[in-house]
Amino acid sequence: MSALDTLPVVVIGAGPVGLAAAAHLHERALPFLVLEAGDTAGAAVRQWGHVRIFSPWRYDIDPAARRLLDDAGWVAPDLDALPTGADLATDYLQPLAELPQLKPHLRYDARVEAISRLGLDRLRTPGRDTTPFLIRLTDGQEVLARAVIDASGTWRTPNVLGASGLPARGETDAAAYLEHALPDVLGANRDRFAGRHTLVVGAGHSAANTLLALADLAAEHPGTEVTWAIRTASPARTYGGGDADALPARGALGSRLRAHVDAGRIRLLTGFSVHALSPTGDRVTVVVRHGDGSEESITVDRIVAATGFRPDHTIAAELRLDLDPVMGATRALAPLIDPNEHSCGTVPPHGVDELAHPEVGYYAVGMKSYGRAPTFLMATGYEQVRSVVAALAGDWTAARDVQLDLPETGVCNSNPDDSATGDNCCGPAPAADPVGRGLATGITGGLLAAPLNLVTLDAAPADTQAGGCCGS
């Protein structure tokens, strides 16, 4: 055994995927240390704790973590129930983090500032693969590691509102009017939205959850208006596969949203590319620029930026990363998850080989591994860390025996170039097959077979009110 092998594997992040990595490392008898920037396990998950996940508990628990919990006498929740983010953190992640096999190896309030090789910058090659990793924390402490599993996620690095991938003009100055994805509309943040006009920008499940909550709020508080803006010509990708979805709650999410739009309770604006934000008294004006150069605007009270997330690789700036220039994922993984090509809500099985970088021993896993792709599934992250840990243990047979069985979305294509007529790209959605595992936490949808009633920005009625009651 070399001196390098006596050092721990450092896991960055104590969320679902990071703690799953810790469970697998324990099972493989590999020394490890988990560094969590927050003050508790699942700190990021707790920030969207009010949101109910659309997959039941049976798909939410990593197998290695379950084995540890069961051995400790853990009482599992109803596997067919749908947990909230708070349930996930309180009933699963916290008990897992408190196990004596993991707790001594977790360090909280430990934010990573940079990762390098001890005594080597990125240019130095001789002896690199046998040199320990150096992890520097923001408080100045340093940790040495034999390998790094970066499960830090993307929650702190949301995409901007502006088109072209750049902040809109005035976006920073208008920060007081902006909300992060998944605000607690019906709970702690209720007063910010009741009786006001909110614009939700985005076409993913975060946007859908917020829109449904706002529709509920509008039913209780007259004068609450809800406007939904997307860049494409059709919301079909958000509506998803409905009854054909293998996860009924996920299909119902899109179906309920569509019902609100069709009934006029949520005003839909398509072809909406934010150009500028301008505070106007106690409200904010959003300027939209069209492809022909023309502009128009809408004035609202609040804006929810549900525009997705992007990875921040700056902590690994001194490592040798091979990132796809488009996705920000590894070059091998990028074509497997590209939302411009990826169809049917499935991802080919992948593991350590697709996650490897030229920097031997460094792996970004979980949401961060997907770069800007919005199609990550939690079960994918669990399989990633199982494969990576097997490789670190020298069990390459197990590491390369990657298997991934994900629930179908019931739609055919996730290409954002949606048809305004909603014609299905490959005929009727197939019947859903039984699914062994898979939690969708941010998967895109696709085209539907039925035509959609759209309101373009140019033709949007100025006096449309959000009201009525929310169906379930």
Protein backbone atom coordinates (compact mmCIF):
# COMPACT_ATOMS: atom_id res chain seq x y z
CA MET A 1 0.00 0.00 0.00
CA SER A 2 1.34 3.41 -0.95
CA ALA A 3 1.22 6.51 1.24
CA LEU A 4 -1.46 7.88 -1.08
CA ASP A 5 -3.75 4.95 -0.27
CA THR A 6 -3.73 5.85 3.44
CA LEU A 7 -5.34 9.22 2.72
CA PRO A 8 -9.12 9.63 2.67
CA VAL A 9 -11.32 10.02 -0.35
CA VAL A 10 -12.81 13.48 0.08
CA VAL A 11 -16.47 13.89 -0.83
CA ILE A 12 -17.65 17.47 -1.39
CA GLY A 13 -21.28 17.89 -0.38
CA ALA A 14 -23.57 16.05 2.05
CA GLY A 15 -26.65 15.95 -0.15
CA PRO A 16 -28.32 12.76 -1.43
CA VAL A 17 -25.51 11.86 -3.85
CA GLY A 18 -22.67 12.89 -1.54
CA LEU A 19 -24.02 10.82 1.34
CA ALA A 20 -24.62 7.91 -1.02
CA ALA A 21 -20.94 8.12 -1.95
CA ALA A 22 -20.05 8.02 1.74
CA ALA A 23 -22.19 4.90 2.24
CA HIS A 24 -20.49 3.13 -0.65
CA LEU A 25 -17.04 4.17 0.58
CA HIS A 26 -17.85 2.72 3.99
CA GLU A 27 -19.00 -0.56 2.44
CA ARG A 28 -15.74 -0.74 0.49
CA ALA A 29 -13.74 -0.03 3.68
CA LEU A 30 -12.13 3.04 2.09
CA PRO A 31 -11.23 5.96 4.39
CA PHE A 32 -13.30 9.05 3.57
CA LEU A 33 -14.17 12.57 4.66
CA VAL A 34 -17.30 14.50 3.66
CA LEU A 35 -17.02 18.29 3.49
CA GLU A 36 -20.37 20.11 3.63
CA ALA A 37 -20.63 23.88 3.23
CA GLY A 38 -23.89 24.04 5.17
CA ASP A 39 -24.51 23.39 8.83
CA THR A 40 -26.47 20.18 8.31
CA ALA A 41 -26.90 17.26 5.95
CA GLY A 42 -29.00 18.08 2.91
CA ALA A 43 -28.61 21.83 3.40
CA ALA A 44 -29.53 22.62 -0.22
CA VAL A 45 -32.45 20.16 -0.21
CA ARG A 46 -33.89 21.91 2.85
CA GLN A 47 -34.07 25.16 0.90
CA TRP A 48 -36.76 23.61 -1.30
CA GLY A 49 -38.20 21.55 1.53
CA HIS A 50 -41.76 22.74 0.82
CA VAL A 51 -41.76 21.08 -2.62
CA ARG A 52 -43.24 17.59 -2.96
CA ILE A 53 -41.14 15.22 -5.07
CA PHE A 54 -43.08 13.48 -7.83
CA SER A 55 -41.48 10.05 -7.32
CA PRO A 56 -42.29 7.82 -4.33
CA TRP A 57 -39.86 6.96 -1.59
CA ARG A 58 -38.92 3.62 -3.18
CA TYR A 59 -36.93 5.54 -5.83
CA ASP A 60 -35.39 8.09 -3.46
CA ILE A 61 -33.04 5.93 -1.38
CA ASP A 62 -29.58 4.74 -2.40
CA PRO A 63 -29.16 0.95 -1.95
CA ALA A 64 -25.93 1.16 0.08
CA ALA A 65 -27.44 3.86 2.28
CA ARG A 66 -30.54 1.69 2.78
CA ARG A 67 -28.42 -1.26 3.90
CA LEU A 68 -26.70 0.86 6.55
CA LEU A 69 -29.97 2.33 7.76
CA ASP A 70 -31.72 -1.03 7.92
CA ASP A 71 -28.89 -2.50 9.98
CA ALA A 72 -29.37 0.37 12.45
CA GLY A 73 -33.08 -0.38 12.85
CA TRP A 74 -34.30 2.53 10.72
CA VAL A 75 -38.05 2.57 10.18
CA ALA A 76 -38.47 3.19 6.47
CA PRO A 77 -41.25 5.51 5.31
CA ASP A 78 -44.15 4.27 3.19
CA LEU A 79 -42.32 3.43 -0.02
CA ASP A 80 -45.32 4.43 -2.13
CA ALA A 81 -45.68 7.87 -0.52
CA LEU A 82 -44.40 11.06 -2.15
CA PRO A 83 -41.99 12.92 0.14
CA THR A 84 -41.32 16.63 0.25
CA GLY A 85 -37.78 17.96 0.19
CA ALA A 86 -38.10 18.44 3.96
CA ASP A 87 -39.16 14.80 4.35
CA LEU A 88 -36.17 13.70 2.28
CA ALA A 89 -33.81 15.68 4.49
CA THR A 90 -35.42 14.88 7.86
CA ASP A 91 -36.47 11.25 7.38
CA TYR A 92 -33.60 9.99 5.23
CA LEU A 93 -30.55 12.23 4.90
CA GLN A 94 -30.30 13.27 8.55
CA PRO A 95 -30.66 9.71 9.95
CA LEU A 96 -28.09 8.57 7.39
CA ALA A 97 -25.66 11.32 8.39
CA GLU A 98 -26.12 10.46 12.08
CA LEU A 99 -25.11 6.80 11.68
CA PRO A 100 -21.90 6.02 13.60
CA GLN A 101 -20.37 4.67 10.38
CA LEU A 102 -20.69 8.10 8.73
CA LYS A 103 -21.04 10.81 11.39
CA PRO A 104 -17.36 10.93 12.48
CA HIS A 105 -16.39 11.47 8.85
CA LEU A 106 -18.69 14.46 8.16
CA ARG A 107 -17.47 18.01 8.60
CA TYR A 108 -20.01 20.86 8.41
CA ASP A 109 -19.47 24.57 7.66
CA ALA A 110 -16.57 23.44 5.49
CA ARG A 111 -16.74 25.28 2.19
CA VAL A 112 -14.14 24.30 -0.41
CA GLU A 113 -12.26 27.20 -1.96
CA ALA A 114 -9.89 25.32 -4.29
CA ILE A 115 -8.57 21.88 -5.24
CA SER A 116 -5.05 21.23 -6.50
CA ARG A 117 -2.19 18.72 -6.18
CA LEU A 118 0.18 19.10 -3.26
CA GLY A 119 3.11 21.18 -4.49
CA LEU A 120 2.01 20.96 -8.16
CA ASP A 121 0.14 23.44 -10.31
CA ARG A 122 -1.75 22.41 -13.43
CA LEU A 123 1.35 22.58 -15.65
CA ARG A 124 3.43 20.06 -13.70
CA THR A 125 3.19 16.47 -14.99
CA PRO A 126 5.96 14.29 -13.39
CA GLY A 127 4.63 12.35 -10.42
CA ARG A 128 1.21 13.93 -10.67
CA ASP A 129 -0.90 10.78 -10.39
CA THR A 130 0.86 9.72 -7.19
CA THR A 131 0.71 13.15 -5.54
CA PRO A 132 -2.08 13.81 -3.01
CA PHE A 133 -4.88 16.22 -3.78
CA LEU A 134 -4.80 19.43 -1.76
CA ILE A 135 -8.24 20.78 -0.78
CA ARG A 136 -8.20 24.31 0.63
CA LEU A 137 -11.20 25.54 2.62
CA THR A 138 -12.42 29.12 2.84
CA ASP A 139 -11.30 29.31 6.47
CA GLY A 140 -7.74 28.56 5.40
CA GLN A 141 -7.61 24.93 6.51
CA GLU A 142 -6.19 22.38 4.07
CA VAL A 143 -7.00 18.70 3.62
CA LEU A 144 -5.05 16.05 1.73
CA ALA A 145 -6.87 13.34 -0.21
CA ARG A 146 -6.15 10.33 -2.41
CA ALA A 147 -9.21 11.14 -4.58
CA VAL A 148 -12.00 13.70 -4.77
CA ILE A 149 -15.70 13.05 -5.43
CA ASP A 150 -17.28 16.43 -6.08
CA ALA A 151 -21.02 16.20 -5.30
CA SER A 152 -21.40 19.90 -4.54
CA GLY A 153 -24.26 20.36 -7.01
CA THR A 154 -25.37 23.53 -8.79
CA TRP A 155 -27.95 25.06 -6.42
CA ARG A 156 -25.80 28.14 -5.77
CA THR A 157 -25.17 28.87 -9.45
CA PRO A 158 -28.51 29.46 -11.21
CA ASN A 159 -28.66 30.51 -14.83
CA VAL A 160 -29.26 34.16 -15.61
CA LEU A 161 -32.57 35.60 -16.80
CA GLY A 162 -31.17 37.26 -19.87
CA ALA A 163 -31.12 35.73 -23.32
CA SER A 164 -27.90 34.58 -25.00
CA GLY A 165 -26.66 33.18 -21.70
CA LEU A 166 -25.77 36.68 -20.48
CA PRO A 167 -27.41 38.65 -17.67
CA ALA A 168 -30.16 40.95 -18.86
CA ARG A 169 -29.38 44.65 -18.82
CA GLY A 170 -30.15 45.84 -15.30
CA GLU A 171 -30.50 42.31 -13.91
CA THR A 172 -28.14 43.02 -11.02
CA ASP A 173 -29.86 46.32 -10.18
CA ALA A 174 -33.26 44.59 -10.18
CA ALA A 175 -32.17 41.88 -7.72
CA ALA A 176 -34.69 43.09 -5.12
CA TYR A 177 -37.54 42.01 -7.43
CA LEU A 178 -36.08 38.60 -8.30
CA GLU A 179 -36.73 35.26 -6.64
CA HIS A 180 -34.55 32.16 -6.75
CA ALA A 181 -36.15 29.03 -8.18
CA LEU A 182 -38.79 27.31 -5.98
CA PRO A 183 -39.79 30.07 -3.54
CA ASP A 184 -42.17 28.98 -0.76
CA VAL A 185 -45.19 30.66 -2.33
CA LEU A 186 -47.79 29.12 0.00
CA GLY A 187 -45.66 29.27 3.14
CA ALA A 188 -42.82 31.45 4.34
CA ASN A 189 -42.79 33.69 1.22
CA ARG A 190 -46.57 34.02 0.88
CA ASP A 191 -46.73 37.77 1.60
CA ARG A 192 -44.37 38.54 -1.27
CA PHE A 193 -46.82 37.08 -3.81
CA ALA A 194 -50.38 37.43 -2.44
CA GLY A 195 -52.33 40.11 -4.30
CA ARG A 196 -49.41 40.80 -6.64
CA HIS A 197 -48.48 40.05 -10.22
CA THR A 198 -45.71 37.46 -10.55
CA LEU A 199 -43.83 36.56 -13.72
CA VAL A 200 -42.32 33.05 -13.77
CA VAL A 201 -39.60 32.60 -16.39
CA GLY A 202 -38.58 29.04 -17.29
CA ALA A 203 -39.86 25.79 -18.77
CA GLY A 204 -38.71 23.10 -16.33
CA HIS A 205 -40.29 21.38 -13.36
CA SER A 206 -39.14 24.13 -11.01
CA ALA A 207 -41.22 26.59 -13.02
CA ALA A 208 -44.18 24.20 -13.08
CA ASN A 209 -44.15 23.72 -9.30
CA THR A 210 -44.02 27.46 -8.69
CA LEU A 211 -46.80 28.16 -11.19
CA LEU A 212 -49.11 25.60 -9.56
CA ALA A 213 -48.45 27.10 -6.13
CA LEU A 214 -49.19 30.59 -7.47
CA ALA A 215 -52.43 29.33 -9.01
CA ASP A 216 -53.45 27.98 -5.59
CA LEU A 217 -52.57 31.33 -4.03
CA ALA A 218 -54.57 33.20 -6.66
CA ALA A 219 -57.64 31.13 -5.78
CA GLU A 220 -57.37 32.34 -2.19
CA HIS A 221 -56.29 35.95 -2.77
CA PRO A 222 -58.17 38.00 -5.43
CA GLY A 223 -55.87 40.25 -7.41
CA THR A 224 -53.03 37.71 -7.47
CA GLU A 225 -51.89 37.46 -11.10
CA VAL A 226 -49.72 34.77 -12.62
CA THR A 227 -47.83 35.08 -15.90
CA TRP A 228 -45.61 32.35 -17.32
CA ALA A 229 -42.94 33.15 -19.91
CA ILE A 230 -40.93 30.70 -22.03
CA ARG A 231 -38.45 31.24 -24.82
CA THR A 232 -39.81 28.59 -27.18
CA ALA A 233 -43.00 28.58 -29.22
CA SER A 234 -44.64 25.77 -27.26
CA PRO A 235 -44.95 24.67 -23.60
CA ALA A 236 -45.21 21.00 -24.63
CA ARG A 237 -41.81 20.15 -23.15
CA THR A 238 -43.05 21.29 -19.73
CA TYR A 239 -46.44 19.61 -20.00
CA GLY A 240 -44.69 16.25 -20.48
CA GLY A 241 -46.33 12.89 -21.05
CA GLY A 242 -49.41 13.07 -18.82
CA ASP A 243 -50.99 9.65 -18.25
CA ALA A 244 -48.16 7.94 -20.19
CA ASP A 245 -45.57 9.00 -17.60
CA ALA A 246 -44.27 6.09 -15.53
CA LEU A 247 -44.30 8.40 -12.50
CA PRO A 248 -47.96 9.47 -12.17
CA ALA A 249 -47.20 12.53 -10.04
CA ARG A 250 -44.76 13.81 -12.65
CA GLY A 251 -47.32 13.37 -15.40
CA ALA A 252 -49.99 15.06 -13.28
CA LEU A 253 -47.71 18.07 -12.75
CA GLY A 254 -47.78 18.94 -16.44
CA SER A 255 -51.45 18.05 -16.84
CA ARG A 256 -52.50 20.39 -14.02
CA LEU A 257 -50.36 23.18 -15.39
CA ARG A 258 -51.86 22.81 -18.83
CA ALA A 259 -55.39 22.94 -17.37
CA HIS A 260 -54.61 26.26 -15.67
CA VAL A 261 -53.21 27.73 -18.87
CA ASP A 262 -56.13 26.53 -20.97
CA ALA A 263 -58.57 28.01 -18.44
CA GLY A 264 -56.80 31.37 -18.44
CA ARG A 265 -55.79 31.21 -14.78
CA ILE A 266 -52.16 31.36 -15.85
CA ARG A 267 -51.27 33.67 -18.72
CA LEU A 268 -48.72 32.10 -21.06
CA LEU A 269 -46.25 34.18 -23.06
CA THR A 270 -44.17 32.39 -25.69
CA GLY A 271 -41.11 33.58 -27.61
CA PHE A 272 -40.09 35.46 -24.47
CA SER A 273 -36.39 36.42 -24.36
CA VAL A 274 -35.52 38.84 -21.57
CA HIS A 275 -33.43 41.77 -22.77
CA ALA A 276 -33.57 44.26 -19.89
CA LEU A 277 -35.01 44.82 -16.42
CA SER A 278 -35.92 48.27 -15.17
CA PRO A 279 -37.31 49.09 -11.70
CA THR A 280 -40.42 51.28 -12.04
CA GLY A 281 -41.49 52.57 -8.64
CA ASP A 282 -42.21 49.51 -6.52
CA ARG A 283 -42.55 47.29 -9.62
CA VAL A 284 -40.17 46.10 -12.33
CA THR A 285 -40.51 46.36 -16.10
CA VAL A 286 -39.24 43.46 -18.20
CA VAL A 287 -38.21 44.36 -21.74
CA VAL A 288 -38.34 41.59 -24.33
CA ARG A 289 -36.44 41.73 -27.61
CA HIS A 290 -37.74 39.74 -30.57
CA GLY A 291 -35.73 38.14 -33.35
CA ASP A 292 -36.62 40.99 -35.74
CA GLY A 293 -35.16 43.53 -33.31
CA SER A 294 -38.49 44.87 -32.07
CA GLU A 295 -39.12 45.22 -28.35
CA GLU A 296 -42.06 45.23 -25.95
CA SER A 297 -42.44 45.09 -22.21
CA ILE A 298 -44.47 43.78 -19.27
CA THR A 299 -44.53 45.31 -15.77
CA VAL A 300 -44.89 43.03 -12.73
CA ASP A 301 -44.28 42.97 -9.00
CA ARG A 302 -42.08 39.88 -8.70
CA ILE A 303 -40.04 37.71 -11.07
CA VAL A 304 -39.24 34.05 -10.34
CA ALA A 305 -36.12 33.02 -12.26
CA ALA A 306 -36.72 29.30 -12.85
CA THR A 307 -34.17 29.20 -15.66
CA GLY A 308 -32.10 26.25 -14.50
CA PHE A 309 -28.58 25.98 -13.18
CA ARG A 310 -25.00 25.77 -14.39
CA PRO A 311 -21.91 24.20 -12.81
CA ASP A 312 -19.15 26.23 -11.21
CA HIS A 313 -15.80 24.57 -11.91
CA THR A 314 -13.66 27.40 -10.49
CA ILE A 315 -12.67 25.38 -7.40
CA ALA A 316 -11.01 22.89 -9.80
CA ALA A 317 -9.20 25.52 -11.88
CA GLU A 318 -5.79 23.96 -11.07
CA LEU A 319 -6.92 20.48 -12.10
CA ARG A 320 -6.78 19.00 -15.58
CA LEU A 321 -10.41 18.79 -16.61
CA ASP A 322 -11.73 17.67 -19.99
CA LEU A 323 -15.04 19.49 -20.24
CA ASP A 324 -17.34 19.54 -23.23
CA PRO A 325 -17.37 23.16 -24.49
CA VAL A 326 -21.16 23.17 -24.80
CA MET A 327 -22.52 21.19 -21.86
CA GLY A 328 -19.83 21.74 -19.22
CA ALA A 329 -19.95 17.99 -18.52
CA THR A 330 -17.13 15.58 -19.30
CA ARG A 331 -16.53 15.17 -23.02
CA ALA A 332 -17.56 11.50 -22.84
CA LEU A 333 -20.81 12.14 -20.95
CA ALA A 334 -22.01 15.20 -22.84
CA PRO A 335 -23.48 13.45 -25.92
CA LEU A 336 -25.39 11.04 -23.67
CA ILE A 337 -27.27 13.83 -21.87
CA ASP A 338 -27.48 16.64 -24.44
CA PRO A 339 -31.09 17.93 -24.22
CA ASN A 340 -30.94 18.91 -27.90
CA GLU A 341 -30.66 15.22 -28.79
CA HIS A 342 -31.68 13.25 -25.69
CA SER A 343 -35.06 11.58 -26.15
CA CYS A 344 -37.71 9.83 -24.07
CA GLY A 345 -36.38 10.97 -20.71
CA THR A 346 -33.79 8.20 -20.56
CA VAL A 347 -30.04 8.30 -20.12
CA PRO A 348 -27.74 5.46 -21.24
CA PRO A 349 -26.04 3.72 -18.31
CA HIS A 350 -22.78 5.44 -17.44
CA GLY A 351 -20.24 5.42 -14.67
CA VAL A 352 -16.59 5.93 -13.90
CA ASP A 353 -15.35 5.81 -17.51
CA GLU A 354 -17.69 8.59 -18.66
CA LEU A 355 -16.99 10.68 -15.56
CA ALA A 356 -13.18 10.45 -15.66
CA HIS A 357 -10.97 13.46 -16.35
CA PRO A 358 -7.27 13.61 -17.31
CA GLU A 359 -6.84 14.48 -13.61
CA VAL A 360 -6.75 10.93 -12.27
CA GLY A 361 -8.84 10.54 -9.12
CA TYR A 362 -11.13 13.56 -9.55
CA TYR A 363 -14.81 12.97 -10.35
CA ALA A 364 -17.71 15.42 -10.45
CA VAL A 365 -20.93 13.49 -9.80
CA GLY A 366 -24.61 14.26 -9.39
CA MET A 367 -26.09 17.48 -10.75
CA LYS A 368 -22.65 18.99 -11.28
CA SER A 369 -21.65 16.11 -13.57
CA TYR A 370 -24.44 17.09 -15.99
CA GLY A 371 -23.14 20.61 -16.57
CA ARG A 372 -25.98 22.68 -18.00
CA ALA A 373 -28.15 19.73 -18.97
CA PRO A 374 -31.48 19.87 -17.09
CA THR A 375 -32.07 16.12 -17.35
CA PHE A 376 -30.38 14.82 -14.20
CA LEU A 377 -32.05 12.08 -12.16
CA MET A 378 -31.12 11.25 -8.59
CA ALA A 379 -30.93 7.54 -9.35
CA THR A 380 -28.35 8.40 -11.98
CA GLY A 381 -26.22 10.01 -9.29
CA TYR A 382 -26.51 6.94 -7.07
CA GLU A 383 -25.28 4.70 -9.88
CA GLN A 384 -22.48 7.15 -10.66
CA VAL A 385 -21.04 7.01 -7.15
CA ARG A 386 -21.45 3.23 -6.92
CA SER A 387 -19.34 2.89 -10.06
CA VAL A 388 -16.75 5.49 -9.01
CA VAL A 389 -16.26 4.00 -5.55
CA ALA A 390 -15.93 0.50 -7.01
CA ALA A 391 -13.16 1.82 -9.28
CA LEU A 392 -11.41 3.52 -6.36
CA ALA A 393 -11.51 0.16 -4.56
CA GLY A 394 -9.88 -1.51 -7.58
CA ASP A 395 -13.00 -3.49 -8.49
CA TRP A 396 -13.15 -2.53 -12.15
CA THR A 397 -15.54 -5.35 -13.03
CA ALA A 398 -18.18 -3.86 -10.73
CA ALA A 399 -17.26 -0.32 -11.72
CA ARG A 400 -17.99 -0.99 -15.38
CA ASP A 401 -21.10 -3.06 -14.76
CA VAL A 402 -23.28 0.07 -14.86
CA GLN A 403 -27.03 -0.35 -14.94
CA LEU A 404 -29.69 2.31 -15.07
CA ASP A 405 -33.43 1.72 -15.29
CA LEU A 406 -35.27 5.03 -15.35
CA PRO A 407 -39.01 5.81 -15.39
CA GLU A 408 -40.26 6.85 -18.83
CA THR A 409 -41.66 10.35 -19.21
CA GLY A 410 -44.24 9.20 -21.76
CA VAL A 411 -42.97 11.69 -24.33
CA CYS A 412 -40.80 11.24 -27.36
CA ASN A 413 -38.42 14.15 -27.67
CA SER A 414 -36.78 16.68 -25.39
CA ASN A 415 -35.65 18.90 -28.23
CA PRO A 416 -36.53 22.49 -27.26
CA ASP A 417 -37.36 23.30 -30.88
CA ASP A 418 -41.00 22.45 -30.15
CA SER A 419 -43.70 22.47 -32.77
CA ALA A 420 -46.47 24.98 -32.17
CA THR A 421 -48.99 22.34 -33.18
CA GLY A 422 -47.60 19.86 -30.68
CA ASP A 423 -47.42 17.02 -33.23
CA ASN A 424 -45.72 14.02 -31.67
CA CYS A 425 -42.35 13.17 -33.20
CA CYS A 426 -42.84 9.43 -33.14
CA GLY A 427 -46.50 8.63 -32.87
CA PRO A 428 -48.51 7.83 -29.74
CA ALA A 429 -46.65 7.64 -26.46
CA PRO A 430 -45.82 4.03 -25.55
CA ALA A 431 -47.33 2.30 -22.57
CA ALA A 432 -45.09 2.64 -19.54
CA ASP A 433 -43.12 -0.46 -18.58
CA PRO A 434 -42.48 -1.38 -14.94
CA VAL A 435 -39.54 0.53 -13.58
CA GLY A 436 -36.98 -0.77 -11.14
CA ARG A 437 -35.62 2.52 -9.87
CA GLY A 438 -35.17 6.14 -10.74
CA LEU A 439 -35.97 9.51 -9.16
CA ALA A 440 -36.45 12.37 -11.57
CA THR A 441 -35.42 15.65 -9.98
CA GLY A 442 -35.08 17.85 -13.01
CA ILE A 443 -35.87 15.91 -16.14
CA THR A 444 -37.08 17.63 -19.29
CA GLY A 445 -40.23 16.64 -21.13
CA GLY A 446 -41.06 16.70 -24.82
CA LEU A 447 -43.74 16.88 -27.48
CA LEU A 448 -47.35 15.88 -26.94
CA ALA A 449 -49.85 14.51 -29.45
CA ALA A 450 -52.66 16.99 -28.78
CA PRO A 451 -52.68 20.56 -30.17
CA LEU A 452 -51.98 23.33 -27.66
CA ASN A 453 -53.66 26.69 -27.17
CA LEU A 454 -50.87 29.24 -27.13
CA VAL A 455 -50.71 32.95 -26.45
CA THR A 456 -47.78 34.68 -28.12
CA LEU A 457 -46.25 37.72 -26.49
CA ASP A 458 -47.35 39.91 -29.38
CA ALA A 459 -50.97 38.92 -28.96
CA ALA A 460 -51.18 38.51 -25.19
CA PRO A 461 -54.25 40.26 -23.74
CA ALA A 462 -53.26 43.03 -21.38
CA ASP A 463 -56.08 42.46 -18.90
CA THR A 464 -55.82 38.71 -18.36
CA GLN A 465 -56.32 37.92 -14.65
CA ALA A 466 -55.25 34.81 -12.83
CA GLY A 467 -58.06 33.42 -10.73
CA GLY A 468 -60.27 30.46 -10.06
CA CYS A 469 -59.39 27.40 -8.07
CA CYS A 470 -56.63 24.95 -8.63
CA GLY A 471 -57.56 21.44 -9.71
CA SER A 472 -55.65 18.46 -8.44
